[in-house]
PDB file of N, CA and C in Angstrom:
ATOM      1  N   MET A   1       0.805  -1.198   0.014  1.00  0.00           N
ATOM      2  CA  MET A   1       0.131   0.062   0.008  1.00  0.00           C
ATOM      3  C   MET A   1       0.832   1.304   0.000  1.00  0.00           C
ATOM      4  N   ARG A   2       0.654   2.157  -0.790  1.00  0.00           N
ATOM      5  CA  ARG A   2       1.356   3.412  -0.867  1.00  0.00           C
ATOM      6  C   ARG A   2       0.962   4.283   0.052  1.00  0.00           C
ATOM      7  N   VAL A   3       1.797   4.981   0.807  1.00  0.00           N
ATOM      8  CA  VAL A   3       1.564   5.963   1.770  1.00  0.00           C
ATOM      9  C   VAL A   3       2.211   7.072   1.445  1.00  0.00           C
ATOM     10  N   ARG A   4       1.454   8.378   1.532  1.00  0.00           N
ATOM     11  CA  ARG A   4       2.177   9.595   1.336  1.00  0.00           C
ATOM     12  C   ARG A   4       1.964  10.463   2.661  1.00  0.00           C
ATOM     13  N   VAL A   5       2.927  11.333   2.889  1.00  0.00           N
ATOM     14  CA  VAL A   5       2.927  12.170   3.933  1.00  0.00           C
ATOM     15  C   VAL A   5       2.824  13.662   3.310  1.00  0.00           C
ATOM     16  N   ARG A   6       1.772  14.498   3.895  1.00  0.00           N
ATOM     17  CA  ARG A   6       1.534  15.833   3.697  1.00  0.00           C
ATOM     18  C   ARG A   6       1.667  16.826   4.731  1.00  0.00           C
ATOM     19  N   PHE A   7       2.086  17.939   4.553  1.00  0.00           N
ATOM     20  CA  PHE A   7       2.044  19.129   5.555  1.00  0.00           C
ATOM     21  C   PHE A   7       0.753  19.488   5.888  1.00  0.00           C
ATOM     22  N   GLU A   8       0.387  19.787   7.060  1.00  0.00           N
ATOM     23  CA  GLU A   8      -0.979  20.212   7.419  1.00  0.00           C
ATOM     24  C   GLU A   8      -0.882  21.657   6.938  1.00  0.00           C
ATOM     25  N   PRO A   9      -1.960  22.340   6.688  1.00  0.00           N
ATOM     26  CA  PRO A   9      -1.970  23.696   6.351  1.00  0.00           C
ATOM     27  C   PRO A   9      -1.435  24.561   7.459  1.00  0.00           C
ATOM     28  N   GLY A  10      -0.647  25.657   7.048  1.00  0.00           N
ATOM     29  CA  GLY A  10      -0.091  26.622   8.069  1.00  0.00           C
ATOM     30  C   GLY A  10       1.108  25.972   8.914  1.00  0.00           C
ATOM     31  N   VAL A  11       1.841  25.013   8.270  1.00  0.00           N
ATOM     32  CA  VAL A  11       2.979  24.460   8.859  1.00  0.00           C
ATOM     33  C   VAL A  11       4.222  25.003   8.030  1.00  0.00           C
ATOM     34  N   SER A  12       5.155  25.596   8.752  1.00  0.00           N
ATOM     35  CA  SER A  12       6.278  26.208   8.235  1.00  0.00           C
ATOM     36  C   SER A  12       7.439  25.403   8.770  1.00  0.00           C
ATOM     37  N   THR A  13       8.597  25.495   8.001  1.00  0.00           N
ATOM     38  CA  THR A  13       9.859  24.800   8.296  1.00  0.00           C
ATOM     39  C   THR A  13      10.998  25.858   8.201  1.00  0.00           C
ATOM     40  N   ALA A  14      12.055  25.526   9.033  1.00  0.00           N
ATOM     41  CA  ALA A  14      13.218  26.307   9.009  1.00  0.00           C
ATOM     42  C   ALA A  14      14.356  25.324   9.337  1.00  0.00           C
ATOM     43  N   THR A  15      15.561  25.505   9.051  1.00  0.00           N
ATOM     44  CA  THR A  15      16.769  24.809   9.275  1.00  0.00           C
ATOM     45  C   THR A  15      17.768  25.535  10.184  1.00  0.00           C
ATOM     46  N   THR A  16      18.174  24.939  11.227  1.00  0.00           N
ATOM     47  CA  THR A  16      19.010  25.549  12.089  1.00  0.00           C
ATOM     48  C   THR A  16      20.430  25.493  11.488  1.00  0.00           C
ATOM     49  N   ASP A  17      21.410  26.359  12.338  1.00  0.00           N
ATOM     50  CA  ASP A  17      22.782  26.157  11.939  1.00  0.00           C
ATOM     51  C   ASP A  17      23.422  24.878  12.006  1.00  0.00           C
ATOM     52  N   ASN A  18      22.905  24.054  12.791  1.00  0.00           N
ATOM     53  CA  ASN A  18      23.459  22.761  13.018  1.00  0.00           C
ATOM     54  C   ASN A  18      22.779  21.731  12.061  1.00  0.00           C
ATOM     55  N   GLY A  19      21.875  22.129  11.233  1.00  0.00           N
ATOM     56  CA  GLY A  19      21.225  21.088  10.353  1.00  0.00           C
ATOM     57  C   GLY A  19      20.033  20.680  10.751  1.00  0.00           C
ATOM     58  N   ALA A  20      19.510  20.970  12.002  1.00  0.00           N
ATOM     59  CA  ALA A  20      18.179  20.442  12.404  1.00  0.00           C
ATOM     60  C   ALA A  20      17.014  21.271  11.851  1.00  0.00           C
ATOM     61  N   LEU A  21      15.940  20.397  11.538  1.00  0.00           N
ATOM     62  CA  LEU A  21      14.772  20.993  10.917  1.00  0.00           C
ATOM     63  C   LEU A  21      13.801  21.285  12.070  1.00  0.00           C
ATOM     64  N   ILE A  22      13.291  22.472  12.084  1.00  0.00           N
ATOM     65  CA  ILE A  22      12.230  23.003  12.943  1.00  0.00           C
ATOM     66  C   ILE A  22      10.953  22.971  12.112  1.00  0.00           C
ATOM     67  N   MET A  23       9.785  22.414  12.664  1.00  0.00           N
ATOM     68  CA  MET A  23       8.511  22.538  12.114  1.00  0.00           C
ATOM     69  C   MET A  23       7.578  23.205  13.069  1.00  0.00           C
ATOM     70  N   LEU A  24       6.786  24.148  12.516  1.00  0.00           N
ATOM     71  CA  LEU A  24       5.989  25.013  13.470  1.00  0.00           C
ATOM     72  C   LEU A  24       4.634  25.183  12.767  1.00  0.00           C
ATOM     73  N   CYS A  25       3.587  24.801  13.401  1.00  0.00           N
ATOM     74  CA  CYS A  25       2.218  24.973  13.115  1.00  0.00           C
ATOM     75  C   CYS A  25       1.720  26.486  13.594  1.00  0.00           C
ATOM     76  N   GLU A  26       1.518  27.283  12.803  1.00  0.00           N
ATOM     77  CA  GLU A  26       1.143  28.720  13.067  1.00  0.00           C
ATOM     78  C   GLU A  26      -0.059  28.695  13.898  1.00  0.00           C
ATOM     79  N   ALA A  27      -1.030  27.930  13.540  1.00  0.00           N
ATOM     80  CA  ALA A  27      -2.470  27.873  14.116  1.00  0.00           C
ATOM     81  C   ALA A  27      -2.270  27.568  15.495  1.00  0.00           C
ATOM     82  N   THR A  28      -1.552  26.607  15.746  1.00  0.00           N
ATOM     83  CA  THR A  28      -1.618  25.825  17.207  1.00  0.00           C
ATOM     84  C   THR A  28      -0.392  26.168  17.997  1.00  0.00           C
ATOM     85  N   GLY A  29       0.760  26.673  17.436  1.00  0.00           N
ATOM     86  CA  GLY A  29       1.942  26.979  18.177  1.00  0.00           C
ATOM     87  C   GLY A  29       2.660  25.550  18.352  1.00  0.00           C
ATOM     88  N   THR A  30       2.249  24.518  17.815  1.00  0.00           N
ATOM     89  CA  THR A  30       2.993  23.247  17.945  1.00  0.00           C
ATOM     90  C   THR A  30       4.295  23.269  17.165  1.00  0.00           C
ATOM     91  N   MET A  31       5.297  22.828  17.848  1.00  0.00           N
ATOM     92  CA  MET A  31       6.765  22.912  17.195  1.00  0.00           C
ATOM     93  C   MET A  31       7.494  21.508  17.412  1.00  0.00           C
ATOM     94  N   HIS A  32       8.009  21.104  16.413  1.00  0.00           N
ATOM     95  CA  HIS A  32       8.759  19.914  16.632  1.00  0.00           C
ATOM     96  C   HIS A  32      10.200  20.213  15.931  1.00  0.00           C
ATOM     97  N   GLN A  33      11.227  19.791  16.752  1.00  0.00           N
ATOM     98  CA  GLN A  33      12.717  19.803  16.172  1.00  0.00           C
ATOM     99  C   GLN A  33      13.272  18.532  15.870  1.00  0.00           C
ATOM    100  N   CYS A  34      13.634  18.402  14.615  1.00  0.00           N
ATOM    101  CA  CYS A  34      14.144  17.105  14.238  1.00  0.00           C
ATOM    102  C   CYS A  34      15.650  17.087  14.349  1.00  0.00           C
ATOM    103  N   ASN A  35      16.304  16.038  14.659  1.00  0.00           N
ATOM    104  CA  ASN A  35      17.580  15.845  14.785  1.00  0.00           C
ATOM    105  C   ASN A  35      18.031  15.729  13.418  1.00  0.00           C
ATOM    106  N   PRO A  36      19.590  15.719  13.104  1.00  0.00           N
ATOM    107  CA  PRO A  36      19.838  15.761  11.641  1.00  0.00           C
ATOM    108  C   PRO A  36      19.468  14.513  10.965  1.00  0.00           C
ATOM    109  N   THR A  37      19.429  13.323  11.346  1.00  0.00           N
ATOM    110  CA  THR A  37      19.000  12.264  10.814  1.00  0.00           C
ATOM    111  C   THR A  37      17.453  12.294  10.212  1.00  0.00           C
ATOM    112  N   ALA A  38      16.715  12.803  11.337  1.00  0.00           N
ATOM    113  CA  ALA A  38      15.213  12.903  10.906  1.00  0.00           C
ATOM    114  C   ALA A  38      15.323  13.987   9.928  1.00  0.00           C
ATOM    115  N   THR A  39      16.002  15.043   9.917  1.00  0.00           N
ATOM    116  CA  THR A  39      16.136  16.054   8.942  1.00  0.00           C
ATOM    117  C   THR A  39      16.396  15.451   7.420  1.00  0.00           C
ATOM    118  N   VAL A  40      17.153  14.523   7.399  1.00  0.00           N
ATOM    119  CA  VAL A  40      17.490  13.845   6.107  1.00  0.00           C
ATOM    120  C   VAL A  40      16.199  13.018   5.780  1.00  0.00           C
ATOM    121  N   ILE A  41      15.653  12.268   6.684  1.00  0.00           N
ATOM    122  CA  ILE A  41      14.436  11.590   6.321  1.00  0.00           C
ATOM    123  C   ILE A  41      13.225  12.690   5.809  1.00  0.00           C
ATOM    124  N   TRP A  42      13.126  13.588   6.480  1.00  0.00           N
ATOM    125  CA  TRP A  42      12.105  14.701   6.024  1.00  0.00           C
ATOM    126  C   TRP A  42      12.531  15.183   4.580  1.00  0.00           C
ATOM    127  N   THR A  43      13.730  15.644   4.318  1.00  0.00           N
ATOM    128  CA  THR A  43      14.209  15.984   3.146  1.00  0.00           C
ATOM    129  C   THR A  43      13.908  15.146   2.074  1.00  0.00           C
ATOM    130  N   GLU A  44      14.173  13.928   2.295  1.00  0.00           N
ATOM    131  CA  GLU A  44      13.722  12.747   1.338  1.00  0.00           C
ATOM    132  C   GLU A  44      12.248  12.592   1.100  1.00  0.00           C
ATOM    133  N   LEU A  45      11.454  12.785   2.159  1.00  0.00           N
ATOM    134  CA  LEU A  45      10.168  12.823   1.911  1.00  0.00           C
ATOM    135  C   LEU A  45       9.617  13.909   1.101  1.00  0.00           C
ATOM    136  N   VAL A  46      10.060  15.132   1.224  1.00  0.00           N
ATOM    137  CA  VAL A  46       9.773  16.215   0.438  1.00  0.00           C
ATOM    138  C   VAL A  46      10.249  16.016  -0.994  1.00  0.00           C
ATOM    139  N   LYS A  47      11.381  15.511  -1.280  1.00  0.00           N
ATOM    140  CA  LYS A  47      12.019  15.202  -2.610  1.00  0.00           C
ATOM    141  C   LYS A  47      11.170  14.164  -3.313  1.00  0.00           C
ATOM    142  N   HIS A  48      10.599  13.123  -2.735  1.00  0.00           N
ATOM    143  CA  HIS A  48       9.659  12.279  -3.114  1.00  0.00           C
ATOM    144  C   HIS A  48       8.170  12.272  -2.934  1.00  0.00           C
ATOM    145  N   ASP A  49       7.899  13.627  -2.754  1.00  0.00           N
ATOM    146  CA  ASP A  49       6.430  14.092  -2.830  1.00  0.00           C
ATOM    147  C   ASP A  49       5.676  13.173  -1.711  1.00  0.00           C
ATOM    148  N   GLY A  50       6.230  13.139  -0.548  1.00  0.00           N
ATOM    149  CA  GLY A  50       5.684  12.523   0.499  1.00  0.00           C
ATOM    150  C   GLY A  50       5.574  10.928   0.344  1.00  0.00           C
ATOM    151  N   ASP A  51       6.065  10.377  -0.568  1.00  0.00           N
ATOM    152  CA  ASP A  51       6.086   8.804  -0.837  1.00  0.00           C
ATOM    153  C   ASP A  51       7.022   8.130   0.295  1.00  0.00           C
ATOM    154  N   THR A  52       6.512   7.342   1.247  1.00  0.00           N
ATOM    155  CA  THR A  52       7.360   7.000   2.212  1.00  0.00           C
ATOM    156  C   THR A  52       8.379   5.922   1.763  1.00  0.00           C
ATOM    157  N   ASP A  53       7.791   5.006   0.750  1.00  0.00           N
ATOM    158  CA  ASP A  53       8.716   3.909   0.196  1.00  0.00           C
ATOM    159  C   ASP A  53       9.910   4.449  -0.460  1.00  0.00           C
ATOM    160  N   ALA A  54       9.689   5.297  -1.294  1.00  0.00           N
ATOM    161  CA  ALA A  54      10.793   5.946  -1.939  1.00  0.00           C
ATOM    162  C   ALA A  54      11.750   6.851  -1.029  1.00  0.00           C
ATOM    163  N   ALA A  55      11.184   7.564  -0.163  1.00  0.00           N
ATOM    164  CA  ALA A  55      12.006   8.224   0.818  1.00  0.00           C
ATOM    165  C   ALA A  55      12.887   7.301   1.622  1.00  0.00           C
ATOM    166  N   ALA A  56      12.201   6.050   2.195  1.00  0.00           N
ATOM    167  CA  ALA A  56      13.143   5.069   2.789  1.00  0.00           C
ATOM    168  C   ALA A  56      14.272   4.492   2.089  1.00  0.00           C
ATOM    169  N   LEU A  57      13.975   4.258   0.792  1.00  0.00           N
ATOM    170  CA  LEU A  57      15.082   3.623  -0.057  1.00  0.00           C
ATOM    171  C   LEU A  57      16.074   4.706  -0.183  1.00  0.00           C
ATOM    172  N   ALA A  58      15.912   6.044  -0.367  1.00  0.00           N
ATOM    173  CA  ALA A  58      16.886   7.051  -0.623  1.00  0.00           C
ATOM    174  C   ALA A  58      17.738   7.273   0.586  1.00  0.00           C
ATOM    175  N   VAL A  59      16.982   7.346   1.758  1.00  0.00           N
ATOM    176  CA  VAL A  59      17.740   7.449   3.055  1.00  0.00           C
ATOM    177  C   VAL A  59      18.589   6.212   3.373  1.00  0.00           C
ATOM    178  N   ALA A  60      18.171   5.016   3.051  1.00  0.00           N
ATOM    179  CA  ALA A  60      19.012   3.769   3.359  1.00  0.00           C
ATOM    180  C   ALA A  60      20.301   3.787   2.272  1.00  0.00           C
ATOM    181  N   ALA A  61      20.176   4.249   1.104  1.00  0.00           N
ATOM    182  CA  ALA A  61      21.133   4.487   0.298  1.00  0.00           C
ATOM    183  C   ALA A  61      22.076   5.555   0.874  1.00  0.00           C
ATOM    184  N   TYR A  62      21.638   6.623   1.304  1.00  0.00           N
ATOM    185  CA  TYR A  62      22.443   7.738   1.717  1.00  0.00           C
ATOM    186  C   TYR A  62      23.396   7.392   3.035  1.00  0.00           C
ATOM    187  N   TYR A  63      22.815   6.566   3.849  1.00  0.00           N
ATOM    188  CA  TYR A  63      23.443   6.212   5.069  1.00  0.00           C
ATOM    189  C   TYR A  63      23.934   4.790   4.857  1.00  0.00           C
ATOM    190  N   ASP A  64      23.725   4.142   3.784  1.00  0.00           N
ATOM    191  CA  ASP A  64      24.220   2.688   3.554  1.00  0.00           C
ATOM    192  C   ASP A  64      23.670   1.757   4.692  1.00  0.00           C
ATOM    193  N   ALA A  65      22.402   2.031   4.912  1.00  0.00           N
ATOM    194  CA  ALA A  65      21.789   1.478   6.305  1.00  0.00           C
ATOM    195  C   ALA A  65      20.684   0.282   5.867  1.00  0.00           C
ATOM    196  N   ASP A  66      20.281  -0.546   6.731  1.00  0.00           N
ATOM    197  CA  ASP A  66      19.319  -1.512   6.502  1.00  0.00           C
ATOM    198  C   ASP A  66      17.957  -0.917   6.147  1.00  0.00           C
ATOM    199  N   ILE A  67      17.325  -1.320   5.156  1.00  0.00           N
ATOM    200  CA  ILE A  67      15.978  -0.551   4.661  1.00  0.00           C
ATOM    201  C   ILE A  67      15.106  -0.712   5.767  1.00  0.00           C
ATOM    202  N   GLU A  68      14.968  -1.904   6.457  1.00  0.00           N
ATOM    203  CA  GLU A  68      13.687  -1.998   7.520  1.00  0.00           C
ATOM    204  C   GLU A  68      14.176  -1.229   8.672  1.00  0.00           C
ATOM    205  N   LEU A  69      15.323  -0.961   9.044  1.00  0.00           N
ATOM    206  CA  LEU A  69      15.637   0.022  10.098  1.00  0.00           C
ATOM    207  C   LEU A  69      15.340   1.419   9.788  1.00  0.00           C
ATOM    208  N   VAL A  70      15.579   1.684   8.360  1.00  0.00           N
ATOM    209  CA  VAL A  70      15.156   3.198   7.909  1.00  0.00           C
ATOM    210  C   VAL A  70      13.576   3.340   7.967  1.00  0.00           C
ATOM    211  N   ARG A  71      12.956   2.254   7.472  1.00  0.00           N
ATOM    212  CA  ARG A  71      11.556   2.180   7.424  1.00  0.00           C
ATOM    213  C   ARG A  71      11.013   2.466   8.976  1.00  0.00           C
ATOM    214  N   THR A  72      11.488   1.766   9.731  1.00  0.00           N
ATOM    215  CA  THR A  72      11.097   1.797  11.317  1.00  0.00           C
ATOM    216  C   THR A  72      11.256   3.262  11.763  1.00  0.00           C
ATOM    217  N   ASP A  73      12.489   3.874  11.486  1.00  0.00           N
ATOM    218  CA  ASP A  73      12.691   5.326  11.957  1.00  0.00           C
ATOM    219  C   ASP A  73      11.768   6.375  11.319  1.00  0.00           C
ATOM    220  N   LEU A  74      11.637   6.119   9.952  1.00  0.00           N
ATOM    221  CA  LEU A  74      10.785   6.955   9.168  1.00  0.00           C
ATOM    222  C   LEU A  74       9.178   6.801   9.675  1.00  0.00           C
ATOM    223  N   ASN A  75       8.720   5.613  10.022  1.00  0.00           N
ATOM    224  CA  ASN A  75       7.341   5.581  10.481  1.00  0.00           C
ATOM    225  C   ASN A  75       7.281   6.113  11.842  1.00  0.00           C
ATOM    226  N   LEU A  76       8.439   6.033  12.681  1.00  0.00           N
ATOM    227  CA  LEU A  76       8.323   6.741  13.956  1.00  0.00           C
ATOM    228  C   LEU A  76       8.179   8.238  13.961  1.00  0.00           C
ATOM    229  N   LEU A  77       9.062   8.768  12.911  1.00  0.00           N
ATOM    230  CA  LEU A  77       8.990  10.195  12.798  1.00  0.00           C
ATOM    231  C   LEU A  77       7.669  10.628  12.298  1.00  0.00           C
ATOM    232  N   VAL A  78       7.161   9.881  11.305  1.00  0.00           N
ATOM    233  CA  VAL A  78       5.818  10.164  10.608  1.00  0.00           C
ATOM    234  C   VAL A  78       4.767  10.168  11.802  1.00  0.00           C
ATOM    235  N   ASP A  79       4.776   9.167  12.558  1.00  0.00           N
ATOM    236  CA  ASP A  79       3.824   9.132  13.600  1.00  0.00           C
ATOM    237  C   ASP A  79       3.758  10.232  14.597  1.00  0.00           C
ATOM    238  N   ARG A  80       5.074  10.570  14.886  1.00  0.00           N
ATOM    239  CA  ARG A  80       5.150  11.835  15.907  1.00  0.00           C
ATOM    240  C   ARG A  80       4.670  13.020  15.389  1.00  0.00           C
ATOM    241  N   LEU A  81       4.943  13.127  14.111  1.00  0.00           N
ATOM    242  CA  LEU A  81       4.504  14.535  13.377  1.00  0.00           C
ATOM    243  C   LEU A  81       2.960  14.447  13.204  1.00  0.00           C
ATOM    244  N   ASP A  82       2.400  13.359  12.859  1.00  0.00           N
ATOM    245  CA  ASP A  82       1.012  13.066  12.669  1.00  0.00           C
ATOM    246  C   ASP A  82       0.327  13.313  13.922  1.00  0.00           C
ATOM    247  N   HIS A  83       0.827  12.892  14.978  1.00  0.00           N
ATOM    248  CA  HIS A  83       0.159  12.996  16.438  1.00  0.00           C
ATOM    249  C   HIS A  83       0.335  14.475  16.831  1.00  0.00           C
ATOM    250  N   ALA A  84       1.306  15.246  16.420  1.00  0.00           N
ATOM    251  CA  ALA A  84       1.406  16.663  16.786  1.00  0.00           C
ATOM    252  C   ALA A  84       0.626  17.439  15.702  1.00  0.00           C
ATOM    253  N   SER A  85      -0.005  16.929  14.663  1.00  0.00           N
ATOM    254  CA  SER A  85      -0.836  17.631  13.748  1.00  0.00           C
ATOM    255  C   SER A  85      -0.107  18.421  12.899  1.00  0.00           C
ATOM    256  N   LEU A  86       1.223  18.100  12.625  1.00  0.00           N
ATOM    257  CA  LEU A  86       2.114  18.794  11.744  1.00  0.00           C
ATOM    258  C   LEU A  86       2.081  18.117  10.388  1.00  0.00           C
ATOM    259  N   VAL A  87       1.538  17.023  10.192  1.00  0.00           N
ATOM    260  CA  VAL A  87       1.354  16.315   8.826  1.00  0.00           C
ATOM    261  C   VAL A  87       0.072  15.449   8.847  1.00  0.00           C
ATOM    262  N   ARG A  88      -0.241  15.080   7.745  1.00  0.00           N
ATOM    263  CA  ARG A  88      -1.331  14.210   7.692  1.00  0.00           C
ATOM    264  C   ARG A  88      -0.850  12.930   6.730  1.00  0.00           C
ATOM    265  N   VAL A  89      -1.306  11.684   7.069  1.00  0.00           N
ATOM    266  CA  VAL A  89      -0.955  10.541   6.341  1.00  0.00           C
ATOM    267  C   VAL A  89      -1.913  10.189   5.439  1.00  0.00           C
ATOM    268  N   GLU A  90      -1.709   9.942   4.081  1.00  0.00           N
ATOM    269  CA  GLU A  90      -2.811   9.666   3.200  1.00  0.00           C
ATOM    270  C   GLU A  90      -2.347   8.106   2.747  1.00  0.00           C
ATOM    271  N   ARG A  91      -3.336   7.203   2.842  1.00  0.00           N
ATOM    272  CA  ARG A  91      -3.336   5.679   2.576  1.00  0.00           C
ATOM    273  C   ARG A  91      -4.123   5.429   1.413  1.00  0.00           C
TER     274      ARG A  91
END
């Protein structure tokens, strides 16, 4: 099943000097700071139009990591962001 991740309306992003991604929902004030690895995951999600499978493959190649480990990390990140209402998941 193809899964896509989308920004919720009113969410903005910025990158800090150390490479961390900050996500902010302007309506609720909810903020989430991603560590550099989660930032790479998010960057690949954006590059692949929210396609979690394609993003996981790209991250696994980038880090030369096990694809199942990357999928687990990606899903954990997406779940956190979904729970914080910063993204929505389309199945």
